[in-house]
Amino acid sequence: MALHVVFTEDGLPGWIGPEPRDGSEAVEKDLAFLTAHRRTAKGAWVKRAAAVAVAPSPEEQAAAAEAERALTQEARDAALRAALAAEADPMFFKWQREECRKEDWLDAVAAVKARYPNP
């Protein structure tokens, strides 16, 4: 079965389909072959070079590090808020009702913050 291919200027298959379309050529090759090869200007088929892994630039590395830091900070803040709500807020309301000392509430806040330091 022939596949219909539209080639780019570089000889790469830019479009591959089972039916003809404007600018396509019928090619008696299978899909795996077409995706692994390109056609030269003279019509010869040559294997495409393997993709080369490119190391991220310093800017990309810095952006990735900043994104990781932001995620870590967000997770820490959420855990801190939950712990303060569960442990320190009840002490605050007891202090407001004069059922405990202000220092007890502040100690509870300090204990929670010590468990969740800034990254």
C-alpha atoms as a PDB file:
ATOM      1  CA  MET A   1       0.000   0.000   0.000  1.00  0.00           C
ATOM      2  CA  ALA A   2       1.414   3.369  -0.945  1.00  0.00           C
ATOM      3  CA  LEU A   3       1.378   6.221   1.512  1.00  0.00           C
ATOM      4  CA  HIS A   4       1.005   9.787   0.335  1.00  0.00           C
ATOM      5  CA  VAL A   5       3.656  12.167   1.597  1.00  0.00           C
ATOM      6  CA  VAL A   6       4.221  15.904   1.494  1.00  0.00           C
ATOM      7  CA  PHE A   7       7.922  16.630   1.907  1.00  0.00           C
ATOM      8  CA  THR A   8       9.462  19.706   3.531  1.00  0.00           C
ATOM      9  CA  GLU A   9      12.272  21.634   1.856  1.00  0.00           C
ATOM     10  CA  ASP A  10      14.731  19.550   3.913  1.00  0.00           C
ATOM     11  CA  GLY A  11      13.358  16.306   2.479  1.00  0.00           C
ATOM     12  CA  LEU A  12      11.546  15.368   5.693  1.00  0.00           C
ATOM     13  CA  PRO A  13       8.057  13.918   5.533  1.00  0.00           C
ATOM     14  CA  GLY A  14       5.930  16.854   6.688  1.00  0.00           C
ATOM     15  CA  TRP A  15       2.607  15.122   6.182  1.00  0.00           C
ATOM     16  CA  ILE A  16       1.849  11.418   5.730  1.00  0.00           C
ATOM     17  CA  GLY A  17      -1.566  10.031   4.948  1.00  0.00           C
ATOM     18  CA  PRO A  18      -3.416   7.194   3.236  1.00  0.00           C
ATOM     19  CA  GLU A  19      -5.160   9.445   0.677  1.00  0.00           C
ATOM     20  CA  PRO A  20      -3.611  11.910  -1.779  1.00  0.00           C
ATOM     21  CA  ARG A  21      -3.680  15.601  -1.014  1.00  0.00           C
ATOM     22  CA  ASP A  22      -2.413  18.709  -2.823  1.00  0.00           C
ATOM     23  CA  GLY A  23       1.350  18.480  -3.194  1.00  0.00           C
ATOM     24  CA  SER A  24       1.614  14.890  -1.962  1.00  0.00           C
ATOM     25  CA  GLU A  25       3.521  12.071  -3.628  1.00  0.00           C
ATOM     26  CA  ALA A  26       2.774   8.361  -3.492  1.00  0.00           C
ATOM     27  CA  VAL A  27       5.638   6.556  -1.737  1.00  0.00           C
ATOM     28  CA  GLU A  28       6.019   2.779  -1.432  1.00  0.00           C
ATOM     29  CA  LYS A  29       7.553   2.872   2.061  1.00  0.00           C
ATOM     30  CA  ASP A  30       6.101   2.056   5.455  1.00  0.00           C
ATOM     31  CA  LEU A  31       5.509   4.614   8.185  1.00  0.00           C
ATOM     32  CA  ALA A  32       8.467   3.490  10.332  1.00  0.00           C
ATOM     33  CA  PHE A  33      10.819   3.957   7.386  1.00  0.00           C
ATOM     34  CA  LEU A  34       9.427   7.405   6.559  1.00  0.00           C
ATOM     35  CA  THR A  35       9.776   8.661  10.120  1.00  0.00           C
ATOM     36  CA  ALA A  36      13.392   7.432  10.338  1.00  0.00           C
ATOM     37  CA  HIS A  37      14.620   8.726   6.961  1.00  0.00           C
ATOM     38  CA  ARG A  38      14.676  11.826   4.809  1.00  0.00           C
ATOM     39  CA  ARG A  39      14.930  12.214   1.066  1.00  0.00           C
ATOM     40  CA  THR A  40      17.805  14.159  -0.501  1.00  0.00           C
ATOM     41  CA  ALA A  41      17.364  16.638  -3.336  1.00  0.00           C
ATOM     42  CA  LYS A  42      18.486  13.895  -5.755  1.00  0.00           C
ATOM     43  CA  GLY A  43      15.839  11.477  -4.418  1.00  0.00           C
ATOM     44  CA  ALA A  44      18.104   9.222  -2.358  1.00  0.00           C
ATOM     45  CA  TRP A  45      16.901   8.118   1.067  1.00  0.00           C
ATOM     46  CA  VAL A  46      19.247   8.738   4.020  1.00  0.00           C
ATOM     47  CA  LYS A  47      18.820   7.859   7.680  1.00  0.00           C
ATOM     48  CA  ARG A  48      17.947  10.837   9.848  1.00  0.00           C
ATOM     49  CA  ALA A  49      20.394  11.739  12.567  1.00  0.00           C
ATOM     50  CA  ALA A  50      19.374  10.763  16.073  1.00  0.00           C
ATOM     51  CA  ALA A  51      18.045  13.575  18.190  1.00  0.00           C
ATOM     52  CA  VAL A  52      20.730  15.103  20.341  1.00  0.00           C
ATOM     53  CA  ALA A  53      19.835  15.825  23.929  1.00  0.00           C
ATOM     54  CA  VAL A  54      20.542  19.452  24.715  1.00  0.00           C
ATOM     55  CA  ALA A  55      21.494  20.423  28.235  1.00  0.00           C
ATOM     56  CA  PRO A  56      19.243  23.095  29.714  1.00  0.00           C
ATOM     57  CA  SER A  57      20.601  26.627  29.633  1.00  0.00           C
ATOM     58  CA  PRO A  58      21.504  28.405  32.884  1.00  0.00           C
ATOM     59  CA  GLU A  59      18.300  30.433  32.531  1.00  0.00           C
ATOM     60  CA  GLU A  60      16.221  27.253  32.171  1.00  0.00           C
ATOM     61  CA  GLN A  61      17.990  25.692  35.158  1.00  0.00           C
ATOM     62  CA  ALA A  62      17.317  28.823  37.221  1.00  0.00           C
ATOM     63  CA  ALA A  63      13.652  28.831  36.172  1.00  0.00           C
ATOM     64  CA  ALA A  64      13.295  25.147  37.105  1.00  0.00           C
ATOM     65  CA  ALA A  65      14.953  25.762  40.480  1.00  0.00           C
ATOM     66  CA  GLU A  66      12.649  28.726  41.128  1.00  0.00           C
ATOM     67  CA  ALA A  67       9.577  26.672  40.200  1.00  0.00           C
ATOM     68  CA  GLU A  68      10.700  23.892  42.567  1.00  0.00           C
ATOM     69  CA  ARG A  69      11.311  26.434  45.332  1.00  0.00           C
ATOM     70  CA  ALA A  70       7.858  27.959  44.794  1.00  0.00           C
ATOM     71  CA  LEU A  71       6.197  24.521  44.986  1.00  0.00           C
ATOM     72  CA  THR A  72       8.111  23.689  48.168  1.00  0.00           C
ATOM     73  CA  GLN A  73       7.141  27.037  49.703  1.00  0.00           C
ATOM     74  CA  GLU A  74       3.496  26.549  48.742  1.00  0.00           C
ATOM     75  CA  ALA A  75       3.393  23.067  50.302  1.00  0.00           C
ATOM     76  CA  ARG A  76       5.074  24.354  53.476  1.00  0.00           C
ATOM     77  CA  ASP A  77       2.624  27.268  53.736  1.00  0.00           C
ATOM     78  CA  ALA A  78      -0.380  24.969  53.355  1.00  0.00           C
ATOM     79  CA  ALA A  79       0.927  22.568  56.013  1.00  0.00           C
ATOM     80  CA  LEU A  80       1.714  25.484  58.344  1.00  0.00           C
ATOM     81  CA  ARG A  81      -1.770  26.973  57.949  1.00  0.00           C
ATOM     82  CA  ALA A  82      -3.389  23.600  58.649  1.00  0.00           C
ATOM     83  CA  ALA A  83      -1.263  23.005  61.749  1.00  0.00           C
ATOM     84  CA  LEU A  84      -1.866  26.516  63.082  1.00  0.00           C
ATOM     85  CA  ALA A  85      -5.608  26.093  62.586  1.00  0.00           C
ATOM     86  CA  ALA A  86      -5.600  22.735  64.368  1.00  0.00           C
ATOM     87  CA  GLU A  87      -3.222  23.549  67.232  1.00  0.00           C
ATOM     88  CA  ALA A  88      -2.678  27.269  67.784  1.00  0.00           C
ATOM     89  CA  ASP A  89      -6.068  28.729  66.897  1.00  0.00           C
ATOM     90  CA  PRO A  90      -7.869  26.871  69.721  1.00  0.00           C
ATOM     91  CA  MET A  91      -5.300  28.291  72.151  1.00  0.00           C
ATOM     92  CA  PHE A  92      -5.921  31.784  70.766  1.00  0.00           C
ATOM     93  CA  PHE A  93      -9.642  31.517  71.423  1.00  0.00           C
ATOM     94  CA  LYS A  94      -8.999  30.151  74.920  1.00  0.00           C
ATOM     95  CA  TRP A  95      -6.735  33.133  75.550  1.00  0.00           C
ATOM     96  CA  GLN A  96      -9.502  35.473  74.282  1.00  0.00           C
ATOM     97  CA  ARG A  97     -11.879  33.857  76.777  1.00  0.00           C
ATOM     98  CA  GLU A  98      -9.175  34.140  79.478  1.00  0.00           C
ATOM     99  CA  GLU A  99      -9.002  30.342  79.854  1.00  0.00           C
ATOM    100  CA  CYS A 100      -5.217  30.311  79.265  1.00  0.00           C
ATOM    101  CA  ARG A 101      -2.327  32.723  79.185  1.00  0.00           C
ATOM    102  CA  LYS A 102      -1.194  34.635  76.102  1.00  0.00           C
ATOM    103  CA  GLU A 103       2.189  32.920  76.434  1.00  0.00           C
ATOM    104  CA  ASP A 104       0.504  29.505  76.047  1.00  0.00           C
ATOM    105  CA  TRP A 105      -0.951  30.604  72.718  1.00  0.00           C
ATOM    106  CA  LEU A 106       2.351  32.147  71.564  1.00  0.00           C
ATOM    107  CA  ASP A 107       4.200  28.968  72.605  1.00  0.00           C
ATOM    108  CA  ALA A 108       1.780  26.891  70.502  1.00  0.00           C
ATOM    109  CA  VAL A 109       2.383  29.173  67.500  1.00  0.00           C
ATOM    110  CA  ALA A 110       6.160  28.977  67.977  1.00  0.00           C
ATOM    111  CA  ALA A 111       6.058  25.166  68.251  1.00  0.00           C
ATOM    112  CA  VAL A 112       4.119  24.842  64.993  1.00  0.00           C
ATOM    113  CA  LYS A 113       6.388  27.303  63.162  1.00  0.00           C
ATOM    114  CA  ALA A 114       9.454  25.397  64.408  1.00  0.00           C
ATOM    115  CA  ARG A 115       8.069  22.209  62.782  1.00  0.00           C
ATOM    116  CA  TYR A 116       7.556  23.987  59.446  1.00  0.00           C
ATOM    117  CA  PRO A 117      10.589  26.206  58.805  1.00  0.00           C
ATOM    118  CA  ASN A 118      10.916  28.203  55.593  1.00  0.00           C
ATOM    119  CA  PRO A 119      12.669  26.202  52.884  1.00  0.00           C
END
